[in-house]
Amino acid sequence: MSAKENAAVSELLELLESRYALRVLWALKDGHPQTFRLLQDSIGSITPNTLNTRIKELRAAGLLGHGTNGYTVTTLGADLLKRLNDLQAFAGKWAVSQTRVAVVKNK
């Protein structure tokens, strides 16, 4: 991987590591627009200030857009979420493996 590619990965990970950034994207993964209030309710336990900050960052990164019906993921954001779906499948497998590890440790 080139230095430029490494920098891009690092920049994307820094954005996604921001508190609630992935949750904001994940709440919009079905493609339906959500108002600020609905998005806040979908995420749960996020302050309006934090949500506003994440929305600004994700919009600046080209991952979120805002239309007359509310916030949606952009084409680029949808592409990212499509790739993150693999993470969901992996998380299920990982959770099962962690249960097995805990059982072995307790024996």
Protein backbone atom coordinates (compact mmCIF):
# COMPACT_ATOMS: atom_id res chain seq x y z
CA MET A 1 0.00 0.00 0.00
CA SER A 2 1.35 3.40 -0.95
CA ALA A 3 1.88 6.24 1.51
CA LYS A 4 -1.04 8.08 -0.09
CA GLU A 5 -3.33 5.06 0.40
CA ASN A 6 -2.14 4.67 4.00
CA ALA A 7 -2.93 8.32 4.65
CA ALA A 8 -6.43 7.92 3.19
CA VAL A 9 -7.12 4.86 5.35
CA SER A 10 -5.84 6.67 8.43
CA GLU A 11 -8.00 9.70 7.69
CA LEU A 12 -11.12 7.58 7.17
CA LEU A 13 -10.50 5.57 10.34
CA GLU A 14 -9.98 8.77 12.31
CA LEU A 15 -13.36 10.04 11.10
CA LEU A 16 -15.13 6.75 11.82
CA GLU A 17 -13.52 6.44 15.26
CA SER A 18 -15.18 9.68 16.32
CA ARG A 19 -17.79 8.97 18.95
CA TYR A 20 -21.10 7.95 17.36
CA ALA A 21 -19.91 8.46 13.75
CA LEU A 22 -20.57 4.85 12.79
CA ARG A 23 -23.86 4.85 14.65
CA VAL A 24 -25.03 7.86 12.66
CA LEU A 25 -24.21 6.10 9.40
CA TRP A 26 -25.64 2.80 10.60
CA ALA A 27 -28.93 4.48 11.59
CA LEU A 28 -29.29 5.64 7.98
CA LYS A 29 -28.28 2.38 6.30
CA ASP A 30 -31.82 1.54 5.16
CA GLY A 31 -31.71 4.55 2.84
CA HIS A 32 -34.70 6.32 4.37
CA PRO A 33 -34.21 10.00 5.23
CA GLN A 34 -34.35 10.92 8.90
CA THR A 35 -34.87 14.29 10.52
CA PHE A 36 -32.44 15.43 13.18
CA ARG A 37 -34.82 14.40 15.97
CA LEU A 38 -35.58 11.00 14.44
CA LEU A 39 -31.89 10.38 13.88
CA GLN A 40 -31.18 11.30 17.50
CA ASP A 41 -33.89 8.87 18.64
CA SER A 42 -32.56 6.13 16.33
CA ILE A 43 -29.08 6.42 17.82
CA GLY A 44 -30.12 6.90 21.43
CA SER A 45 -28.10 8.57 24.19
CA ILE A 46 -26.40 11.04 21.85
CA THR A 47 -26.52 14.70 22.76
CA PRO A 48 -27.78 17.18 20.17
CA ASN A 49 -24.38 18.89 20.18
CA THR A 50 -22.52 15.64 19.47
CA LEU A 51 -24.99 14.64 16.76
CA ASN A 52 -24.68 18.04 15.13
CA THR A 53 -20.89 17.76 15.16
CA ARG A 54 -20.92 14.24 13.66
CA ILE A 55 -23.39 15.31 10.97
CA LYS A 56 -21.17 18.23 10.00
CA GLU A 57 -18.10 15.99 9.84
CA LEU A 58 -19.84 13.26 7.84
CA ARG A 59 -21.33 15.80 5.44
CA ALA A 60 -17.92 17.43 4.96
CA ALA A 61 -16.50 13.97 4.19
CA GLY A 62 -19.20 13.40 1.56
CA LEU A 63 -20.82 10.50 3.40
CA LEU A 64 -24.07 12.24 4.44
CA GLY A 65 -26.40 14.57 2.65
CA HIS A 66 -29.42 16.60 3.67
CA GLY A 67 -32.58 17.01 1.65
CA THR A 68 -36.12 18.20 2.23
CA ASN A 69 -37.02 14.98 4.07
CA GLY A 70 -33.94 14.83 6.30
CA TYR A 71 -30.50 13.28 6.37
CA THR A 72 -29.48 10.40 4.12
CA VAL A 73 -26.27 8.67 3.19
CA THR A 74 -24.74 9.73 -0.10
CA THR A 75 -23.71 7.26 -2.78
CA LEU A 76 -20.26 7.26 -1.23
CA GLY A 77 -21.75 6.68 2.23
CA ALA A 78 -23.87 3.81 0.90
CA ASP A 79 -20.74 2.25 -0.60
CA LEU A 80 -19.01 2.45 2.79
CA LEU A 81 -22.02 0.89 4.54
CA LYS A 82 -22.11 -1.90 1.96
CA ARG A 83 -18.51 -2.69 2.82
CA LEU A 84 -19.28 -2.51 6.55
CA ASN A 85 -21.99 -5.17 6.14
CA ASP A 86 -19.14 -7.67 6.06
CA LEU A 87 -18.24 -6.41 9.51
CA GLN A 88 -21.71 -7.36 10.75
CA ALA A 89 -21.27 -10.93 9.50
CA PHE A 90 -17.80 -11.10 11.03
CA ALA A 91 -19.08 -9.73 14.36
CA GLY A 92 -21.52 -12.63 14.64
CA LYS A 93 -18.76 -15.18 14.08
CA TRP A 94 -16.47 -13.33 16.47
CA ALA A 95 -19.10 -13.25 19.23
CA VAL A 96 -19.53 -17.02 18.98
CA SER A 97 -15.77 -17.52 19.18
CA GLN A 98 -15.60 -15.31 22.27
CA THR A 99 -18.25 -17.41 23.96
CA ARG A 100 -16.17 -20.52 23.23
CA VAL A 101 -13.02 -18.87 24.56
CA ALA A 102 -14.84 -17.88 27.78
CA VAL A 103 -16.09 -21.45 28.25
CA VAL A 104 -12.58 -22.88 27.80
CA LYS A 105 -11.10 -20.32 30.24
CA ASN A 106 -13.68 -21.20 32.88
CA LYS A 107 -12.87 -24.91 32.78
